[in-house]
Amino acid sequence: MNLNDWLLILLSILAVIVIFFIIGLISFLLSLPLEKKILTLADEVDKLNEKRNDILNRVLSKVKEDKRVKIVDFEQFELNNEDTLSTMRNKQDVAFILLKKVISSSKCREEYKDDIKEIDDLIKESENIFENYNKKTSSYNAFIRFIFARPYAYFAKKKTYPLIY
């Protein structure tokens, strides 16, 4: 083998490395708009969780003060920051369902009519937001797993986002 052969081998190796780097860079740049959408939806989910917590706490405090309503022990549904989004959503949904059942079986259900309607509207709204978030997140996570599982993109450690069940 002469010098030209070694030079050709070196250039071909360098070309493969450059091509892999360019493909990895393009994939990384394509993932940025998707990640921005996910972060926007995550902000919506956080705001929705705060709204759900506020409504839950407000209605729960009203019901606890009312002596005509038999109250269920809701301490197991107290939310803390250590809960995942899925756990928090499930606790909120169960608490909402129990609250609706307790209120509807009490003698003063007319007084809580607006609260029940607000809870129903919030559950419908949250279903749409959670479904949209899950669709975008699953497509983003699939894209990241597909693209960044390739050897040319080992340098990019991209975060995946959890789904809300």
N, C-alpha and C. Protein backbone atom coordinates (compact mmCIF):
# COMPACT_ATOMS: atom_id res chain seq x y z
N MET A 1 0.84 -1.17 0.00
CA MET A 1 0.00 0.00 0.00
C MET A 1 0.89 1.24 0.00
N ASN A 2 0.53 2.10 -0.85
CA ASN A 2 1.33 3.33 -0.92
C ASN A 2 0.61 4.46 -0.18
N LEU A 3 1.17 5.62 -0.24
CA LEU A 3 0.67 6.79 0.48
C LEU A 3 -0.73 7.20 0.01
N ASN A 4 -1.00 7.06 -1.28
CA ASN A 4 -2.32 7.43 -1.82
C ASN A 4 -3.43 6.55 -1.25
N ASP A 5 -3.13 5.27 -1.07
CA ASP A 5 -4.13 4.37 -0.50
C ASP A 5 -4.45 4.75 0.95
N TRP A 6 -3.42 5.04 1.73
CA TRP A 6 -3.63 5.45 3.12
C TRP A 6 -4.38 6.78 3.20
N LEU A 7 -4.08 7.67 2.31
CA LEU A 7 -4.76 8.95 2.27
C LEU A 7 -6.24 8.77 1.92
N LEU A 8 -6.52 7.89 0.99
CA LEU A 8 -7.90 7.59 0.59
C LEU A 8 -8.68 6.96 1.76
N ILE A 9 -8.06 6.04 2.47
CA ILE A 9 -8.70 5.41 3.63
C ILE A 9 -8.97 6.45 4.72
N LEU A 10 -8.01 7.31 4.99
CA LEU A 10 -8.17 8.36 5.99
C LEU A 10 -9.28 9.34 5.62
N LEU A 11 -9.34 9.72 4.35
CA LEU A 11 -10.39 10.64 3.89
C LEU A 11 -11.78 10.00 3.96
N SER A 12 -11.86 8.72 3.64
CA SER A 12 -13.17 8.05 3.71
C SER A 12 -13.64 7.93 5.16
N ILE A 13 -12.73 7.64 6.08
CA ILE A 13 -13.10 7.58 7.50
C ILE A 13 -13.55 8.96 7.98
N LEU A 14 -12.82 9.97 7.60
CA LEU A 14 -13.18 11.34 7.96
C LEU A 14 -14.53 11.74 7.36
N ALA A 15 -14.79 11.33 6.14
CA ALA A 15 -16.07 11.63 5.49
C ALA A 15 -17.23 10.97 6.23
N VAL A 16 -17.04 9.72 6.65
CA VAL A 16 -18.09 9.02 7.39
C VAL A 16 -18.36 9.73 8.72
N ILE A 17 -17.32 10.15 9.41
CA ILE A 17 -17.48 10.86 10.68
C ILE A 17 -18.22 12.18 10.46
N VAL A 18 -17.86 12.91 9.43
CA VAL A 18 -18.52 14.19 9.14
C VAL A 18 -19.99 13.97 8.77
N ILE A 19 -20.27 12.95 7.98
CA ILE A 19 -21.66 12.66 7.60
C ILE A 19 -22.48 12.30 8.83
N PHE A 20 -21.94 11.45 9.71
CA PHE A 20 -22.65 11.09 10.94
C PHE A 20 -22.87 12.32 11.81
N PHE A 21 -21.88 13.18 11.90
CA PHE A 21 -22.02 14.39 12.70
C PHE A 21 -23.11 15.30 12.12
N ILE A 22 -23.15 15.45 10.82
CA ILE A 22 -24.16 16.29 10.17
C ILE A 22 -25.56 15.71 10.38
N ILE A 23 -25.70 14.40 10.23
CA ILE A 23 -27.00 13.77 10.44
C ILE A 23 -27.43 13.93 11.90
N GLY A 24 -26.52 13.74 12.83
CA GLY A 24 -26.83 13.93 14.25
C GLY A 24 -27.22 15.36 14.56
N LEU A 25 -26.53 16.31 13.95
CA LEU A 25 -26.84 17.72 14.17
C LEU A 25 -28.22 18.07 13.61
N ILE A 26 -28.52 17.56 12.42
CA ILE A 26 -29.84 17.81 11.82
C ILE A 26 -30.94 17.20 12.70
N SER A 27 -30.72 15.98 13.18
CA SER A 27 -31.71 15.33 14.05
C SER A 27 -31.91 16.12 15.34
N PHE A 28 -30.81 16.59 15.89
CA PHE A 28 -30.89 17.39 17.12
C PHE A 28 -31.68 18.67 16.88
N LEU A 29 -31.42 19.33 15.77
CA LEU A 29 -32.12 20.57 15.46
C LEU A 29 -33.60 20.32 15.17
N LEU A 30 -33.92 19.17 14.59
CA LEU A 30 -35.32 18.84 14.34
C LEU A 30 -36.08 18.56 15.64
N SER A 31 -35.38 18.10 16.65
CA SER A 31 -36.06 17.78 17.91
C SER A 31 -36.36 19.02 18.74
N LEU A 32 -35.70 20.12 18.48
CA LEU A 32 -35.90 21.32 19.31
C LEU A 32 -37.32 21.88 19.24
N PRO A 33 -37.94 22.02 18.05
CA PRO A 33 -39.33 22.52 18.04
C PRO A 33 -40.30 21.58 18.75
N LEU A 34 -40.06 20.27 18.62
CA LEU A 34 -40.92 19.32 19.32
C LEU A 34 -40.79 19.48 20.83
N GLU A 35 -39.55 19.67 21.27
CA GLU A 35 -39.34 19.84 22.71
C GLU A 35 -39.98 21.13 23.22
N LYS A 36 -39.97 22.16 22.40
CA LYS A 36 -40.60 23.42 22.80
C LYS A 36 -42.11 23.23 22.96
N LYS A 37 -42.73 22.45 22.05
CA LYS A 37 -44.17 22.18 22.17
C LYS A 37 -44.46 21.40 23.46
N ILE A 38 -43.59 20.44 23.76
CA ILE A 38 -43.78 19.64 24.97
C ILE A 38 -43.69 20.52 26.21
N LEU A 39 -42.72 21.42 26.23
CA LEU A 39 -42.56 22.29 27.39
C LEU A 39 -43.74 23.24 27.54
N THR A 40 -44.30 23.71 26.42
CA THR A 40 -45.49 24.56 26.47
C THR A 40 -46.67 23.78 27.04
N LEU A 41 -46.84 22.55 26.55
CA LEU A 41 -47.93 21.72 27.06
C LEU A 41 -47.70 21.36 28.53
N ALA A 42 -46.46 21.16 28.92
CA ALA A 42 -46.16 20.85 30.33
C ALA A 42 -46.54 22.02 31.23
N ASP A 43 -46.32 23.24 30.74
CA ASP A 43 -46.75 24.42 31.50
C ASP A 43 -48.27 24.45 31.66
N GLU A 44 -48.98 24.11 30.57
CA GLU A 44 -50.45 24.04 30.65
C GLU A 44 -50.90 23.00 31.66
N VAL A 45 -50.21 21.85 31.65
CA VAL A 45 -50.56 20.78 32.59
C VAL A 45 -50.30 21.23 34.03
N ASP A 46 -49.21 21.93 34.26
CA ASP A 46 -48.92 22.44 35.61
C ASP A 46 -49.99 23.43 36.07
N LYS A 47 -50.39 24.34 35.17
CA LYS A 47 -51.44 25.30 35.53
C LYS A 47 -52.76 24.59 35.81
N LEU A 48 -53.05 23.58 35.00
CA LEU A 48 -54.27 22.81 35.20
C LEU A 48 -54.24 22.07 36.53
N ASN A 49 -53.09 21.50 36.88
CA ASN A 49 -52.98 20.82 38.17
C ASN A 49 -53.18 21.78 39.33
N GLU A 50 -52.63 22.98 39.21
CA GLU A 50 -52.84 23.99 40.26
C GLU A 50 -54.32 24.35 40.37
N LYS A 51 -54.97 24.52 39.22
CA LYS A 51 -56.39 24.86 39.21
C LYS A 51 -57.22 23.73 39.82
N ARG A 52 -56.88 22.49 39.46
CA ARG A 52 -57.59 21.34 40.02
C ARG A 52 -57.39 21.26 41.53
N ASN A 53 -56.16 21.50 41.98
CA ASN A 53 -55.89 21.48 43.43
C ASN A 53 -56.66 22.58 44.15
N ASP A 54 -56.70 23.77 43.56
CA ASP A 54 -57.42 24.88 44.19
C ASP A 54 -58.91 24.57 44.32
N ILE A 55 -59.49 24.08 43.23
CA ILE A 55 -60.92 23.75 43.27
C ILE A 55 -61.19 22.62 44.26
N LEU A 56 -60.33 21.62 44.23
CA LEU A 56 -60.50 20.49 45.14
C LEU A 56 -60.41 20.95 46.60
N ASN A 57 -59.43 21.76 46.90
CA ASN A 57 -59.28 22.25 48.28
C ASN A 57 -60.43 23.16 48.70
N ARG A 58 -60.88 24.01 47.77
CA ARG A 58 -61.98 24.92 48.09
C ARG A 58 -63.27 24.16 48.37
N VAL A 59 -63.62 23.23 47.47
CA VAL A 59 -64.86 22.47 47.65
C VAL A 59 -64.74 21.57 48.88
N LEU A 60 -63.59 20.98 49.07
CA LEU A 60 -63.39 20.09 50.21
C LEU A 60 -63.53 20.84 51.53
N SER A 61 -62.98 22.04 51.59
CA SER A 61 -63.10 22.83 52.83
C SER A 61 -64.56 23.24 53.07
N LYS A 62 -65.30 23.56 51.99
CA LYS A 62 -66.72 23.90 52.15
C LYS A 62 -67.51 22.69 52.66
N VAL A 63 -67.20 21.54 52.11
CA VAL A 63 -67.93 20.33 52.49
C VAL A 63 -67.59 19.93 53.92
N LYS A 64 -66.33 20.08 54.31
CA LYS A 64 -65.93 19.72 55.68
C LYS A 64 -66.62 20.61 56.71
N GLU A 65 -66.84 21.87 56.37
CA GLU A 65 -67.49 22.80 57.30
C GLU A 65 -68.99 22.55 57.40
N ASP A 66 -69.57 22.00 56.36
CA ASP A 66 -71.01 21.75 56.34
C ASP A 66 -71.30 20.50 57.17
N LYS A 67 -72.09 20.65 58.20
CA LYS A 67 -72.39 19.52 59.11
C LYS A 67 -73.43 18.57 58.52
N ARG A 68 -74.14 18.99 57.48
CA ARG A 68 -75.18 18.14 56.90
C ARG A 68 -74.61 17.09 55.96
N VAL A 69 -73.33 17.23 55.60
CA VAL A 69 -72.73 16.31 54.64
C VAL A 69 -71.87 15.31 55.39
N LYS A 70 -72.12 14.04 55.13
CA LYS A 70 -71.25 13.01 55.70
C LYS A 70 -69.96 13.03 54.91
N ILE A 71 -68.89 13.31 55.60
CA ILE A 71 -67.62 13.46 54.89
C ILE A 71 -66.82 12.16 54.95
N VAL A 72 -66.20 11.86 53.86
CA VAL A 72 -65.31 10.71 53.75
C VAL A 72 -63.93 11.18 54.18
N ASP A 73 -63.11 10.27 54.65
CA ASP A 73 -61.74 10.63 55.04
C ASP A 73 -60.93 10.89 53.77
N PHE A 74 -60.63 12.16 53.53
CA PHE A 74 -59.91 12.55 52.32
C PHE A 74 -58.41 12.72 52.56
N GLU A 75 -57.93 12.34 53.75
CA GLU A 75 -56.51 12.54 54.04
C GLU A 75 -55.62 11.73 53.11
N GLN A 76 -56.10 10.58 52.68
CA GLN A 76 -55.29 9.77 51.77
C GLN A 76 -55.13 10.42 50.39
N PHE A 77 -55.96 11.42 50.11
CA PHE A 77 -55.88 12.10 48.82
C PHE A 77 -55.14 13.42 48.90
N GLU A 78 -54.53 13.70 50.05
CA GLU A 78 -53.75 14.93 50.15
C GLU A 78 -52.57 14.84 49.20
N LEU A 79 -52.37 15.91 48.46
CA LEU A 79 -51.35 15.92 47.43
C LEU A 79 -50.09 16.55 47.96
N ASN A 80 -48.97 15.99 47.54
CA ASN A 80 -47.70 16.60 47.90
C ASN A 80 -46.83 16.70 46.65
N ASN A 81 -45.75 17.40 46.78
CA ASN A 81 -44.89 17.65 45.61
C ASN A 81 -44.11 16.42 45.17
N GLU A 82 -44.09 15.38 46.00
CA GLU A 82 -43.35 14.18 45.64
C GLU A 82 -44.14 13.30 44.69
N ASP A 83 -45.42 13.55 44.57
CA ASP A 83 -46.25 12.74 43.67
C ASP A 83 -45.89 13.03 42.22
N THR A 84 -45.95 11.99 41.40
CA THR A 84 -45.77 12.20 39.97
C THR A 84 -47.05 12.79 39.41
N LEU A 85 -46.98 13.25 38.17
CA LEU A 85 -48.18 13.82 37.55
C LEU A 85 -49.30 12.79 37.45
N SER A 86 -48.96 11.55 37.12
CA SER A 86 -49.98 10.51 37.00
C SER A 86 -50.63 10.23 38.35
N THR A 87 -49.81 10.13 39.40
CA THR A 87 -50.34 9.87 40.73
C THR A 87 -51.23 11.02 41.18
N MET A 88 -50.77 12.24 40.93
CA MET A 88 -51.54 13.42 41.33
C MET A 88 -52.88 13.46 40.59
N ARG A 89 -52.84 13.16 39.30
CA ARG A 89 -54.08 13.18 38.51
C ARG A 89 -55.05 12.12 39.02
N ASN A 90 -54.54 10.92 39.30
CA ASN A 90 -55.41 9.86 39.79
C ASN A 90 -56.01 10.20 41.15
N LYS A 91 -55.20 10.76 42.04
CA LYS A 91 -55.72 11.16 43.35
C LYS A 91 -56.79 12.24 43.20
N GLN A 92 -56.54 13.21 42.32
CA GLN A 92 -57.52 14.27 42.11
C GLN A 92 -58.81 13.71 41.55
N ASP A 93 -58.71 12.82 40.56
CA ASP A 93 -59.92 12.27 39.95
C ASP A 93 -60.74 11.47 40.96
N VAL A 94 -60.06 10.65 41.77
CA VAL A 94 -60.78 9.86 42.77
C VAL A 94 -61.42 10.79 43.80
N ALA A 95 -60.70 11.81 44.22
CA ALA A 95 -61.26 12.76 45.18
C ALA A 95 -62.45 13.50 44.59
N PHE A 96 -62.37 13.90 43.32
CA PHE A 96 -63.50 14.56 42.67
C PHE A 96 -64.71 13.64 42.61
N ILE A 97 -64.49 12.39 42.25
CA ILE A 97 -65.61 11.44 42.16
C ILE A 97 -66.24 11.22 43.53
N LEU A 98 -65.40 11.04 44.55
CA LEU A 98 -65.94 10.87 45.90
C LEU A 98 -66.69 12.10 46.38
N LEU A 99 -66.13 13.27 46.08
CA LEU A 99 -66.81 14.52 46.47
C LEU A 99 -68.17 14.62 45.80
N LYS A 100 -68.21 14.33 44.50
CA LYS A 100 -69.49 14.39 43.78
C LYS A 100 -70.50 13.41 44.38
N LYS A 101 -70.03 12.22 44.72
CA LYS A 101 -70.93 11.22 45.28
C LYS A 101 -71.43 11.64 46.66
N VAL A 102 -70.51 12.14 47.49
CA VAL A 102 -70.90 12.57 48.83
C VAL A 102 -71.88 13.73 48.75
N ILE A 103 -71.60 14.68 47.88
CA ILE A 103 -72.47 15.86 47.75
C ILE A 103 -73.83 15.47 47.19
N SER A 104 -73.84 14.61 46.17
CA SER A 104 -75.12 14.26 45.55
C SER A 104 -75.99 13.41 46.47
N SER A 105 -75.39 12.71 47.41
CA SER A 105 -76.19 11.90 48.33
C SER A 105 -76.63 12.67 49.57
N SER A 106 -76.16 13.90 49.70
CA SER A 106 -76.54 14.69 50.89
C SER A 106 -77.82 15.47 50.62
N LYS A 107 -78.37 16.03 51.69
CA LYS A 107 -79.62 16.78 51.59
C LYS A 107 -79.41 18.17 51.01
N CYS A 108 -78.20 18.64 50.99
CA CYS A 108 -77.93 20.02 50.56
C CYS A 108 -77.26 20.07 49.20
N ARG A 109 -77.60 19.13 48.33
CA ARG A 109 -76.92 19.05 47.04
C ARG A 109 -77.17 20.27 46.15
N GLU A 110 -78.29 20.96 46.35
CA GLU A 110 -78.59 22.15 45.54
C GLU A 110 -77.59 23.27 45.80
N GLU A 111 -77.09 23.35 47.02
CA GLU A 111 -76.13 24.39 47.35
C GLU A 111 -74.79 24.17 46.65
N TYR A 112 -74.50 22.92 46.34
CA TYR A 112 -73.22 22.58 45.72
C TYR A 112 -73.35 22.32 44.22
N LYS A 113 -74.48 22.69 43.66
CA LYS A 113 -74.73 22.45 42.24
C LYS A 113 -73.66 23.09 41.36
N ASP A 114 -73.30 24.34 41.66
CA ASP A 114 -72.28 25.04 40.87
C ASP A 114 -70.91 24.39 41.02
N ASP A 115 -70.61 23.93 42.23
CA ASP A 115 -69.33 23.27 42.45
C ASP A 115 -69.23 21.97 41.66
N ILE A 116 -70.31 21.21 41.63
CA ILE A 116 -70.31 19.96 40.87
C ILE A 116 -70.17 20.25 39.38
N LYS A 117 -70.87 21.27 38.90
CA LYS A 117 -70.75 21.64 37.48
C LYS A 117 -69.32 22.07 37.16
N GLU A 118 -68.71 22.84 38.07
CA GLU A 118 -67.33 23.28 37.87
C GLU A 118 -66.37 22.09 37.85
N ILE A 119 -66.60 21.12 38.72
CA ILE A 119 -65.76 19.92 38.75
C ILE A 119 -65.93 19.14 37.46
N ASP A 120 -67.16 18.98 36.98
CA ASP A 120 -67.40 18.25 35.73
C ASP A 120 -66.72 18.94 34.55
N ASP A 121 -66.85 20.26 34.48
CA ASP A 121 -66.21 21.01 33.39
C ASP A 121 -64.70 20.88 33.46
N LEU A 122 -64.16 20.92 34.65
CA LEU A 122 -62.72 20.81 34.82
C LEU A 122 -62.21 19.43 34.42
N ILE A 123 -62.97 18.40 34.73
CA ILE A 123 -62.57 17.04 34.35
C ILE A 123 -62.57 16.91 32.83
N LYS A 124 -63.59 17.45 32.16
CA LYS A 124 -63.62 17.40 30.69
C LYS A 124 -62.46 18.17 30.08
N GLU A 125 -62.20 19.36 30.61
CA GLU A 125 -61.10 20.18 30.10
C GLU A 125 -59.76 19.48 30.32
N SER A 126 -59.61 18.88 31.48
CA SER A 126 -58.33 18.23 31.78
C SER A 126 -58.12 17.00 30.92
N GLU A 127 -59.19 16.28 30.59
CA GLU A 127 -59.05 15.12 29.71
C GLU A 127 -58.47 15.53 28.36
N ASN A 128 -58.97 16.64 27.80
CA ASN A 128 -58.46 17.11 26.51
C ASN A 128 -57.00 17.53 26.60
N ILE A 129 -56.66 18.26 27.65
CA ILE A 129 -55.27 18.73 27.79
C ILE A 129 -54.33 17.56 28.03
N PHE A 130 -54.72 16.62 28.89
CA PHE A 130 -53.86 15.47 29.16
C PHE A 130 -53.70 14.60 27.91
N GLU A 131 -54.78 14.44 27.15
CA GLU A 131 -54.70 13.64 25.92
C GLU A 131 -53.76 14.30 24.91
N ASN A 132 -53.88 15.60 24.74
CA ASN A 132 -53.00 16.33 23.82
C ASN A 132 -51.55 16.24 24.28
N TYR A 133 -51.32 16.41 25.58
CA TYR A 133 -49.97 16.30 26.14
C TYR A 133 -49.40 14.91 25.89
N ASN A 134 -50.21 13.87 26.13
CA ASN A 134 -49.73 12.50 25.95
C ASN A 134 -49.40 12.21 24.49
N LYS A 135 -50.21 12.73 23.55
CA LYS A 135 -49.93 12.51 22.13
C LYS A 135 -48.60 13.13 21.73
N LYS A 136 -48.42 14.40 22.09
CA LYS A 136 -47.18 15.10 21.73
C LYS A 136 -45.97 14.47 22.42
N THR A 137 -46.13 14.12 23.67
CA THR A 137 -45.02 13.55 24.43
C THR A 137 -44.63 12.19 23.88
N SER A 138 -45.60 11.36 23.55
CA SER A 138 -45.25 10.03 23.04
C SER A 138 -44.60 10.13 21.67
N SER A 139 -45.05 11.05 20.82
CA SER A 139 -44.39 11.19 19.52
C SER A 139 -42.98 11.75 19.68
N TYR A 140 -42.80 12.69 20.61
CA TYR A 140 -41.46 13.24 20.87
C TYR A 140 -40.53 12.16 21.42
N ASN A 141 -41.02 11.40 22.41
CA ASN A 141 -40.19 10.34 23.00
C ASN A 141 -39.82 9.28 21.97
N ALA A 142 -40.77 8.94 21.09
CA ALA A 142 -40.47 7.96 20.04
C ALA A 142 -39.43 8.51 19.07
N PHE A 143 -39.56 9.78 18.72
CA PHE A 143 -38.58 10.42 17.83
C PHE A 143 -37.20 10.41 18.46
N ILE A 144 -37.12 10.77 19.72
CA ILE A 144 -35.84 10.81 20.42
C ILE A 144 -35.23 9.42 20.51
N ARG A 145 -36.05 8.43 20.84
CA ARG A 145 -35.51 7.06 20.94
C ARG A 145 -35.05 6.55 19.59
N PHE A 146 -35.76 6.90 18.54
CA PHE A 146 -35.37 6.43 17.21
C PHE A 146 -34.11 7.13 16.73
N ILE A 147 -34.11 8.44 16.78
CA ILE A 147 -32.98 9.21 16.25
C ILE A 147 -31.74 9.06 17.11
N PHE A 148 -31.89 9.24 18.40
CA PHE A 148 -30.72 9.29 19.26
C PHE A 148 -30.26 7.92 19.74
N ALA A 149 -30.87 6.87 19.22
CA ALA A 149 -30.34 5.54 19.48
C ALA A 149 -29.26 5.21 18.46
N ARG A 150 -29.14 6.02 17.47
CA ARG A 150 -28.14 5.81 16.43
C ARG A 150 -26.75 6.15 16.96
N PRO A 151 -25.74 5.47 16.48
CA PRO A 151 -24.38 5.70 17.01
C PRO A 151 -23.83 7.09 16.69
N TYR A 152 -24.34 7.72 15.65
CA TYR A 152 -23.78 9.03 15.30
C TYR A 152 -24.30 10.14 16.20
N ALA A 153 -25.24 9.83 17.05
CA ALA A 153 -25.80 10.88 17.89
C ALA A 153 -25.55 10.59 19.37
N TYR A 154 -24.50 9.90 19.67
CA TYR A 154 -24.22 9.52 21.06
C TYR A 154 -23.95 10.74 21.93
N PHE A 155 -23.57 11.85 21.32
CA PHE A 155 -23.19 13.03 22.09
C PHE A 155 -24.39 13.77 22.67
N ALA A 156 -25.56 13.50 22.17
CA ALA A 156 -26.74 14.27 22.60
C ALA A 156 -27.56 13.44 23.58
N LYS A 157 -27.51 13.79 24.81
CA LYS A 157 -28.32 13.14 25.84
C LYS A 157 -29.61 13.93 25.98
N LYS A 158 -30.65 13.49 25.28
CA LYS A 158 -31.92 14.21 25.29
C LYS A 158 -32.83 13.64 26.38
N LYS A 159 -33.58 14.53 26.99
CA LYS A 159 -34.51 14.16 28.05
C LYS A 159 -35.80 13.64 27.42
N THR A 160 -36.34 12.58 28.00
CA THR A 160 -37.67 12.13 27.61
C THR A 160 -38.65 12.59 28.69
N TYR A 161 -39.89 12.76 28.32
CA TYR A 161 -40.90 13.30 29.22
C TYR A 161 -41.91 12.21 29.59
N PRO A 162 -42.39 12.22 30.83
CA PRO A 162 -43.32 11.16 31.26
C PRO A 162 -44.72 11.39 30.70
N LEU A 163 -45.41 10.28 30.48
CA LEU A 163 -46.81 10.35 30.08
C LEU A 163 -47.68 10.45 31.33
N ILE A 164 -48.85 11.00 31.18
CA ILE A 164 -49.79 11.12 32.30
C ILE A 164 -50.93 10.14 32.04
N TYR A 165 -51.03 9.13 32.87
CA TYR A 165 -52.05 8.10 32.68
C TYR A 165 -53.29 8.41 33.47
